[in-house]
Amino acid sequence: YQRRVHGVPFDVFPVDVVYVGDYAPFLADLLELGISDADMREHYSGVIQNNIIDGKLVALPYYISVGILVYRSDLLIKYRNSSSPPKTWDDLKQMSVDIQMKMRNFGNSRFNGFVWQGASYEGLTCNALEWIYSSGGGVMIDRSGTITLGNKESISALKMASGWVGTITPDDVLSMRESQSQDAFQNGDALFLRTWSHRYPALQSSMGDKIAITDLPGTLPGAGYGTLGGYHLAIPN
């Protein structure tokens, strides 16, 4: 930004995944600059498709992050005799209710089953997209620009999540972003944490073998999805 302000040209710059389409008219086509099919196959196909705008490949992945579920495997073993994580949202709720009650009975009154990013910002949008898509509700806005949130699957998913607040999720989740939700989990006050994959190494470094990682649940086993995040590299045209 400073280079642009002062009229200094630059060759490559990072682009957040959500802005690739917005910047596309100002970006070079990397296919014309020599990026091959073999080069593209080195990356996850969904990421490449995100970066192809009107037939132009306008960016390549720099680092990728995706929504994940981190969980206290030690507590699952202690209270459920199994470290197997939840496969569905119903599983997650049942495990949360069970272990939350036991942890509170043992003196941790602040313990909750599940923390996530509920503040009014893009993080909540990412969470909501995961709930909706994993429930068969689509992607909020389709390729034609039509808002699709009115379908019954989307409504059911949002009602499900709102029902967590005050039961398995603390009321103050509505002010939590990544750092606050991670702090709650890291302080030993939550069983499950929805976060980004790039944040897991720091959690693992501090919590060791108490925790593990898995895909986000879905309405049915195997139906969970994580929102794509991260940055890409592009060249101005």
C-alpha atoms as a PDB file:
ATOM      1  CA  TYR A   1       0.000   0.000   0.000  1.00  0.00           C
ATOM      2  CA  GLN A   2       2.769   2.443   0.910  1.00  0.00           C
ATOM      3  CA  ARG A   3       4.595   1.651  -2.328  1.00  0.00           C
ATOM      4  CA  ARG A   4       1.439   2.360  -4.323  1.00  0.00           C
ATOM      5  CA  VAL A   5       0.771   5.627  -2.446  1.00  0.00           C
ATOM      6  CA  HIS A   6       4.272   6.860  -3.198  1.00  0.00           C
ATOM      7  CA  GLY A   7       4.146   5.774  -6.838  1.00  0.00           C
ATOM      8  CA  VAL A   8       6.599   2.895  -6.453  1.00  0.00           C
ATOM      9  CA  PRO A   9       5.602  -0.094  -8.623  1.00  0.00           C
ATOM     10  CA  PHE A  10       5.457  -3.575  -7.169  1.00  0.00           C
ATOM     11  CA  ASP A  11       5.625  -6.979  -8.826  1.00  0.00           C
ATOM     12  CA  VAL A  12       3.690  -9.331  -6.528  1.00  0.00           C
ATOM     13  CA  PHE A  13       1.241  -8.709  -3.712  1.00  0.00           C
ATOM     14  CA  PRO A  14      -0.934 -10.835  -1.380  1.00  0.00           C
ATOM     15  CA  VAL A  15      -4.711 -10.991  -1.762  1.00  0.00           C
ATOM     16  CA  ASP A  16      -7.165 -12.305   0.831  1.00  0.00           C
ATOM     17  CA  VAL A  17      -9.183 -15.198  -0.589  1.00  0.00           C
ATOM     18  CA  VAL A  18     -12.442 -13.225  -0.381  1.00  0.00           C
ATOM     19  CA  TYR A  19     -11.095 -10.340  -2.494  1.00  0.00           C
ATOM     20  CA  VAL A  20      -9.671 -12.280  -5.438  1.00  0.00           C
ATOM     21  CA  GLY A  21     -12.810 -11.657  -7.497  1.00  0.00           C
ATOM     22  CA  ASP A  22     -12.890  -7.951  -6.644  1.00  0.00           C
ATOM     23  CA  TYR A  23      -9.278  -7.427  -7.718  1.00  0.00           C
ATOM     24  CA  ALA A  24      -9.478  -9.690 -10.778  1.00  0.00           C
ATOM     25  CA  PRO A  25      -9.867  -6.877 -13.369  1.00  0.00           C
ATOM     26  CA  PHE A  26      -6.551  -5.425 -12.196  1.00  0.00           C
ATOM     27  CA  LEU A  27      -4.603  -8.691 -12.112  1.00  0.00           C
ATOM     28  CA  ALA A  28      -2.534 -10.446 -14.751  1.00  0.00           C
ATOM     29  CA  ASP A  29      -3.579 -13.802 -16.174  1.00  0.00           C
ATOM     30  CA  LEU A  30      -1.001 -16.225 -14.751  1.00  0.00           C
ATOM     31  CA  LEU A  31      -1.791 -18.744 -17.484  1.00  0.00           C
ATOM     32  CA  GLU A  32      -0.413 -16.287 -20.023  1.00  0.00           C
ATOM     33  CA  LEU A  33       2.698 -15.894 -17.851  1.00  0.00           C
ATOM     34  CA  GLY A  34       3.541 -19.581 -17.982  1.00  0.00           C
ATOM     35  CA  ILE A  35       1.627 -21.277 -15.161  1.00  0.00           C
ATOM     36  CA  SER A  36       0.871 -24.787 -16.420  1.00  0.00           C
ATOM     37  CA  ASP A  37      -1.733 -27.437 -15.658  1.00  0.00           C
ATOM     38  CA  ALA A  38       0.958 -29.322 -13.757  1.00  0.00           C
ATOM     39  CA  ASP A  39       1.605 -26.242 -11.618  1.00  0.00           C
ATOM     40  CA  MET A  40      -2.097 -25.948 -10.823  1.00  0.00           C
ATOM     41  CA  ARG A  41      -2.372 -29.630  -9.896  1.00  0.00           C
ATOM     42  CA  GLU A  42       0.049 -29.019  -7.040  1.00  0.00           C
ATOM     43  CA  HIS A  43      -2.746 -27.131  -5.280  1.00  0.00           C
ATOM     44  CA  TYR A  44      -6.183 -28.097  -4.017  1.00  0.00           C
ATOM     45  CA  SER A  45      -8.568 -27.821  -6.958  1.00  0.00           C
ATOM     46  CA  GLY A  46     -11.150 -25.801  -5.008  1.00  0.00           C
ATOM     47  CA  VAL A  47      -8.562 -23.113  -4.330  1.00  0.00           C
ATOM     48  CA  ILE A  48      -7.589 -22.908  -7.998  1.00  0.00           C
ATOM     49  CA  GLN A  49     -11.234 -22.677  -9.059  1.00  0.00           C
ATOM     50  CA  ASN A  50     -11.712 -19.789  -6.632  1.00  0.00           C
ATOM     51  CA  ASN A  51      -8.908 -17.941  -8.418  1.00  0.00           C
ATOM     52  CA  ILE A  52     -10.120 -18.462 -11.990  1.00  0.00           C
ATOM     53  CA  ILE A  53     -12.228 -15.433 -12.890  1.00  0.00           C
ATOM     54  CA  ASP A  54     -13.759 -15.204 -16.369  1.00  0.00           C
ATOM     55  CA  GLY A  55     -11.295 -17.790 -17.599  1.00  0.00           C
ATOM     56  CA  LYS A  56      -8.251 -16.017 -16.125  1.00  0.00           C
ATOM     57  CA  LEU A  57      -6.085 -17.502 -13.382  1.00  0.00           C
ATOM     58  CA  VAL A  58      -5.427 -14.334 -11.401  1.00  0.00           C
ATOM     59  CA  ALA A  59      -3.729 -15.669  -8.247  1.00  0.00           C
ATOM     60  CA  LEU A  60      -1.987 -18.685  -6.741  1.00  0.00           C
ATOM     61  CA  PRO A  61      -2.166 -19.887  -3.118  1.00  0.00           C
ATOM     62  CA  TYR A  62       0.352 -18.403  -0.703  1.00  0.00           C
ATOM     63  CA  TYR A  63      -0.969 -19.997   2.458  1.00  0.00           C
ATOM     64  CA  ILE A  64      -4.334 -21.662   2.970  1.00  0.00           C
ATOM     65  CA  SER A  65      -6.389 -21.962   6.135  1.00  0.00           C
ATOM     66  CA  VAL A  66      -9.668 -23.790   6.636  1.00  0.00           C
ATOM     67  CA  GLY A  67     -12.265 -24.035   9.363  1.00  0.00           C
ATOM     68  CA  ILE A  68     -11.615 -26.979  11.721  1.00  0.00           C
ATOM     69  CA  LEU A  69     -12.779 -28.454  15.013  1.00  0.00           C
ATOM     70  CA  VAL A  70     -10.257 -28.710  17.837  1.00  0.00           C
ATOM     71  CA  TYR A  71     -11.271 -30.821  20.821  1.00  0.00           C
ATOM     72  CA  ARG A  72     -10.110 -31.995  24.236  1.00  0.00           C
ATOM     73  CA  SER A  73      -9.347 -35.610  23.482  1.00  0.00           C
ATOM     74  CA  ASP A  74      -8.243 -36.143  27.091  1.00  0.00           C
ATOM     75  CA  LEU A  75     -11.704 -35.218  28.385  1.00  0.00           C
ATOM     76  CA  LEU A  76     -13.443 -37.444  25.844  1.00  0.00           C
ATOM     77  CA  ILE A  77     -11.310 -40.361  27.023  1.00  0.00           C
ATOM     78  CA  LYS A  78     -11.866 -39.518  30.703  1.00  0.00           C
ATOM     79  CA  TYR A  79     -15.624 -39.092  30.582  1.00  0.00           C
ATOM     80  CA  ARG A  80     -16.699 -41.135  27.542  1.00  0.00           C
ATOM     81  CA  ASN A  81     -13.966 -43.807  27.336  1.00  0.00           C
ATOM     82  CA  SER A  82     -13.257 -42.863  23.728  1.00  0.00           C
ATOM     83  CA  SER A  83     -11.280 -40.156  21.961  1.00  0.00           C
ATOM     84  CA  SER A  84     -13.536 -40.307  18.889  1.00  0.00           C
ATOM     85  CA  PRO A  85     -14.707 -36.794  17.923  1.00  0.00           C
ATOM     86  CA  PRO A  86     -18.270 -35.924  16.909  1.00  0.00           C
ATOM     87  CA  LYS A  87     -19.322 -36.655  13.347  1.00  0.00           C
ATOM     88  CA  THR A  88     -22.572 -34.687  13.443  1.00  0.00           C
ATOM     89  CA  TRP A  89     -23.799 -31.522  15.139  1.00  0.00           C
ATOM     90  CA  ASP A  90     -26.117 -33.675  17.244  1.00  0.00           C
ATOM     91  CA  ASP A  91     -23.110 -35.705  18.407  1.00  0.00           C
ATOM     92  CA  LEU A  92     -21.303 -32.497  19.333  1.00  0.00           C
ATOM     93  CA  LYS A  93     -24.263 -31.247  21.339  1.00  0.00           C
ATOM     94  CA  GLN A  94     -24.704 -34.528  23.193  1.00  0.00           C
ATOM     95  CA  MET A  95     -21.016 -34.742  24.108  1.00  0.00           C
ATOM     96  CA  SER A  96     -21.014 -31.089  25.133  1.00  0.00           C
ATOM     97  CA  VAL A  97     -24.027 -31.413  27.422  1.00  0.00           C
ATOM     98  CA  ASP A  98     -22.580 -34.512  29.078  1.00  0.00           C
ATOM     99  CA  ILE A  99     -19.052 -33.286  29.726  1.00  0.00           C
ATOM    100  CA  GLN A 100     -20.060 -29.688  30.456  1.00  0.00           C
ATOM    101  CA  MET A 101     -22.274 -30.919  33.307  1.00  0.00           C
ATOM    102  CA  LYS A 102     -19.521 -33.128  34.706  1.00  0.00           C
ATOM    103  CA  MET A 103     -16.858 -30.415  34.531  1.00  0.00           C
ATOM    104  CA  ARG A 104     -19.152 -27.913  36.250  1.00  0.00           C
ATOM    105  CA  ASN A 105     -20.000 -30.456  38.942  1.00  0.00           C
ATOM    106  CA  PHE A 106     -16.271 -30.829  39.560  1.00  0.00           C
ATOM    107  CA  GLY A 107     -15.901 -27.089  40.142  1.00  0.00           C
ATOM    108  CA  ASN A 108     -15.279 -25.405  36.779  1.00  0.00           C
ATOM    109  CA  SER A 109     -18.395 -23.231  36.603  1.00  0.00           C
ATOM    110  CA  ARG A 110     -17.099 -21.480  33.466  1.00  0.00           C
ATOM    111  CA  PHE A 111     -16.783 -24.665  31.437  1.00  0.00           C
ATOM    112  CA  ASN A 112     -18.778 -24.856  28.198  1.00  0.00           C
ATOM    113  CA  GLY A 113     -19.127 -27.454  25.512  1.00  0.00           C
ATOM    114  CA  PHE A 114     -18.431 -25.414  22.398  1.00  0.00           C
ATOM    115  CA  VAL A 115     -16.898 -22.031  21.610  1.00  0.00           C
ATOM    116  CA  TRP A 116     -16.728 -20.326  18.225  1.00  0.00           C
ATOM    117  CA  GLN A 117     -16.635 -16.870  16.664  1.00  0.00           C
ATOM    118  CA  GLY A 118     -19.986 -15.177  17.272  1.00  0.00           C
ATOM    119  CA  ALA A 119     -19.113 -11.476  17.174  1.00  0.00           C
ATOM    120  CA  SER A 120     -20.647  -9.363  14.426  1.00  0.00           C
ATOM    121  CA  TYR A 121     -17.850  -9.611  11.815  1.00  0.00           C
ATOM    122  CA  GLU A 122     -16.647 -11.829   8.992  1.00  0.00           C
ATOM    123  CA  GLY A 123     -15.786 -14.654  11.404  1.00  0.00           C
ATOM    124  CA  LEU A 124     -19.446 -15.167  12.237  1.00  0.00           C
ATOM    125  CA  THR A 125     -20.241 -15.242   8.517  1.00  0.00           C
ATOM    126  CA  CYS A 126     -17.668 -18.017   8.057  1.00  0.00           C
ATOM    127  CA  ASN A 127     -19.176 -20.012  10.944  1.00  0.00           C
ATOM    128  CA  ALA A 128     -22.702 -19.525   9.617  1.00  0.00           C
ATOM    129  CA  LEU A 129     -21.665 -20.649   6.136  1.00  0.00           C
ATOM    130  CA  GLU A 130     -20.283 -23.861   7.643  1.00  0.00           C
ATOM    131  CA  TRP A 131     -23.491 -24.563   9.578  1.00  0.00           C
ATOM    132  CA  ILE A 132     -25.669 -23.856   6.560  1.00  0.00           C
ATOM    133  CA  TYR A 133     -23.623 -25.704   3.931  1.00  0.00           C
ATOM    134  CA  SER A 134     -23.149 -28.745   6.173  1.00  0.00           C
ATOM    135  CA  SER A 135     -26.924 -28.866   6.601  1.00  0.00           C
ATOM    136  CA  GLY A 136     -27.658 -28.812   2.869  1.00  0.00           C
ATOM    137  CA  GLY A 137     -28.655 -25.150   2.776  1.00  0.00           C
ATOM    138  CA  GLY A 138     -26.242 -24.005   0.066  1.00  0.00           C
ATOM    139  CA  VAL A 139     -23.849 -21.057   0.112  1.00  0.00           C
ATOM    140  CA  MET A 140     -26.043 -18.080   1.124  1.00  0.00           C
ATOM    141  CA  ILE A 141     -25.704 -16.373  -2.271  1.00  0.00           C
ATOM    142  CA  ASP A 142     -25.638 -18.402  -5.481  1.00  0.00           C
ATOM    143  CA  ARG A 143     -23.607 -17.647  -8.607  1.00  0.00           C
ATOM    144  CA  SER A 144     -26.411 -15.542 -10.059  1.00  0.00           C
ATOM    145  CA  GLY A 145     -26.336 -13.280  -7.001  1.00  0.00           C
ATOM    146  CA  THR A 146     -29.594 -14.613  -5.601  1.00  0.00           C
ATOM    147  CA  ILE A 147     -29.783 -14.795  -1.799  1.00  0.00           C
ATOM    148  CA  THR A 148     -30.709 -18.361  -0.874  1.00  0.00           C
ATOM    149  CA  LEU A 149     -30.956 -18.118   2.919  1.00  0.00           C
ATOM    150  CA  GLY A 150     -34.726 -18.596   2.910  1.00  0.00           C
ATOM    151  CA  ASN A 151     -34.604 -22.347   2.347  1.00  0.00           C
ATOM    152  CA  LYS A 152     -35.641 -24.666   5.174  1.00  0.00           C
ATOM    153  CA  GLU A 153     -32.169 -26.190   5.582  1.00  0.00           C
ATOM    154  CA  SER A 154     -30.565 -22.780   6.142  1.00  0.00           C
ATOM    155  CA  ILE A 155     -33.251 -21.761   8.612  1.00  0.00           C
ATOM    156  CA  SER A 156     -32.873 -25.039  10.486  1.00  0.00           C
ATOM    157  CA  ALA A 157     -29.081 -24.630  10.673  1.00  0.00           C
ATOM    158  CA  LEU A 158     -29.315 -21.088  12.059  1.00  0.00           C
ATOM    159  CA  LYS A 159     -31.928 -22.138  14.617  1.00  0.00           C
ATOM    160  CA  MET A 160     -29.652 -24.986  15.660  1.00  0.00           C
ATOM    161  CA  ALA A 161     -26.717 -22.644  16.264  1.00  0.00           C
ATOM    162  CA  SER A 162     -28.792 -20.026  18.069  1.00  0.00           C
ATOM    163  CA  GLY A 163     -30.010 -22.803  20.363  1.00  0.00           C
ATOM    164  CA  TRP A 164     -26.445 -23.493  21.466  1.00  0.00           C
ATOM    165  CA  VAL A 165     -26.084 -20.038  23.028  1.00  0.00           C
ATOM    166  CA  GLY A 166     -26.727 -20.246  26.743  1.00  0.00           C
ATOM    167  CA  THR A 167     -26.792 -24.053  26.693  1.00  0.00           C
ATOM    168  CA  ILE A 168     -23.528 -25.556  25.405  1.00  0.00           C
ATOM    169  CA  THR A 169     -22.063 -22.203  24.331  1.00  0.00           C
ATOM    170  CA  PRO A 170     -21.527 -19.217  26.664  1.00  0.00           C
ATOM    171  CA  ASP A 171     -23.621 -16.079  26.219  1.00  0.00           C
ATOM    172  CA  ASP A 172     -20.480 -14.046  25.609  1.00  0.00           C
ATOM    173  CA  VAL A 173     -19.737 -16.047  22.448  1.00  0.00           C
ATOM    174  CA  LEU A 174     -21.589 -13.178  20.761  1.00  0.00           C
ATOM    175  CA  SER A 175     -18.554 -10.990  21.448  1.00  0.00           C
ATOM    176  CA  MET A 176     -15.920 -13.628  20.659  1.00  0.00           C
ATOM    177  CA  ARG A 177     -13.528 -13.453  17.740  1.00  0.00           C
ATOM    178  CA  GLU A 178     -10.675 -15.873  17.062  1.00  0.00           C
ATOM    179  CA  SER A 179      -8.489 -14.773  19.968  1.00  0.00           C
ATOM    180  CA  GLN A 180     -11.265 -14.732  22.579  1.00  0.00           C
ATOM    181  CA  SER A 181     -12.633 -18.144  21.631  1.00  0.00           C
ATOM    182  CA  GLN A 182      -9.134 -19.591  21.534  1.00  0.00           C
ATOM    183  CA  ASP A 183      -8.355 -18.117  24.950  1.00  0.00           C
ATOM    184  CA  ALA A 184     -11.451 -19.761  26.426  1.00  0.00           C
ATOM    185  CA  PHE A 185     -10.413 -23.126  25.011  1.00  0.00           C
ATOM    186  CA  GLN A 186      -6.755 -22.716  25.924  1.00  0.00           C
ATOM    187  CA  ASN A 187      -7.669 -21.753  29.498  1.00  0.00           C
ATOM    188  CA  GLY A 188      -9.459 -25.070  29.913  1.00  0.00           C
ATOM    189  CA  ASP A 189     -12.986 -23.687  29.718  1.00  0.00           C
ATOM    190  CA  ALA A 190     -14.294 -25.501  26.633  1.00  0.00           C
ATOM    191  CA  LEU A 191     -14.506 -28.987  25.167  1.00  0.00           C
ATOM    192  CA  PHE A 192     -14.724 -28.009  21.488  1.00  0.00           C
ATOM    193  CA  LEU A 193     -13.370 -25.042  19.545  1.00  0.00           C
ATOM    194  CA  ARG A 194     -14.130 -24.027  15.983  1.00  0.00           C
ATOM    195  CA  THR A 195     -11.071 -22.207  14.652  1.00  0.00           C
ATOM    196  CA  TRP A 196      -8.736 -21.951  11.647  1.00  0.00           C
ATOM    197  CA  SER A 197      -6.158 -24.580  10.737  1.00  0.00           C
ATOM    198  CA  HIS A 198      -3.273 -22.085  10.853  1.00  0.00           C
ATOM    199  CA  ARG A 199      -4.013 -21.509  14.569  1.00  0.00           C
ATOM    200  CA  TYR A 200      -3.682 -25.159  15.529  1.00  0.00           C
ATOM    201  CA  PRO A 201       0.134 -25.335  15.879  1.00  0.00           C
ATOM    202  CA  ALA A 202       0.099 -22.671  18.607  1.00  0.00           C
ATOM    203  CA  LEU A 203      -2.665 -24.512  20.443  1.00  0.00           C
ATOM    204  CA  GLN A 204      -0.833 -27.805  20.173  1.00  0.00           C
ATOM    205  CA  SER A 205       2.374 -26.203  21.402  1.00  0.00           C
ATOM    206  CA  SER A 206       0.685 -25.018  24.597  1.00  0.00           C
ATOM    207  CA  MET A 207      -1.740 -27.900  25.218  1.00  0.00           C
ATOM    208  CA  GLY A 208       0.171 -30.882  23.859  1.00  0.00           C
ATOM    209  CA  ASP A 209      -1.549 -34.256  23.739  1.00  0.00           C
ATOM    210  CA  LYS A 210      -4.622 -32.964  25.572  1.00  0.00           C
ATOM    211  CA  ILE A 211      -6.070 -31.901  22.231  1.00  0.00           C
ATOM    212  CA  ALA A 212      -6.674 -33.198  18.731  1.00  0.00           C
ATOM    213  CA  ILE A 213      -8.049 -31.930  15.443  1.00  0.00           C
ATOM    214  CA  THR A 214     -10.820 -33.106  13.134  1.00  0.00           C
ATOM    215  CA  ASP A 215     -13.177 -31.971  10.384  1.00  0.00           C
ATOM    216  CA  LEU A 216     -16.162 -29.899  11.360  1.00  0.00           C
ATOM    217  CA  PRO A 217     -19.355 -31.917  11.863  1.00  0.00           C
ATOM    218  CA  GLY A 218     -22.396 -31.888   9.613  1.00  0.00           C
ATOM    219  CA  THR A 219     -26.054 -32.728   9.877  1.00  0.00           C
ATOM    220  CA  LEU A 220     -25.061 -36.214   8.708  1.00  0.00           C
ATOM    221  CA  PRO A 221     -21.686 -37.968   9.136  1.00  0.00           C
ATOM    222  CA  GLY A 222     -19.243 -36.784   6.492  1.00  0.00           C
ATOM    223  CA  ALA A 223     -21.339 -33.758   5.557  1.00  0.00           C
ATOM    224  CA  GLY A 224     -19.212 -31.182   7.388  1.00  0.00           C
ATOM    225  CA  TYR A 225     -17.311 -28.450   5.553  1.00  0.00           C
ATOM    226  CA  GLY A 226     -14.790 -25.807   6.578  1.00  0.00           C
ATOM    227  CA  THR A 227     -14.772 -22.313   5.116  1.00  0.00           C
ATOM    228  CA  LEU A 228     -11.735 -21.565   2.960  1.00  0.00           C
ATOM    229  CA  GLY A 229      -9.456 -18.797   4.198  1.00  0.00           C
ATOM    230  CA  GLY A 230      -5.917 -17.615   3.650  1.00  0.00           C
ATOM    231  CA  TYR A 231      -3.947 -15.483   1.215  1.00  0.00           C
ATOM    232  CA  HIS A 232      -2.950 -15.726  -2.427  1.00  0.00           C
ATOM    233  CA  LEU A 233      -0.258 -14.100  -4.539  1.00  0.00           C
ATOM    234  CA  ALA A 234      -1.120 -12.047  -7.594  1.00  0.00           C
ATOM    235  CA  ILE A 235       0.603  -9.828 -10.163  1.00  0.00           C
ATOM    236  CA  PRO A 236      -0.901  -6.498 -11.226  1.00  0.00           C
ATOM    237  CA  ASN A 237      -1.553  -6.183 -14.940  1.00  0.00           C
END
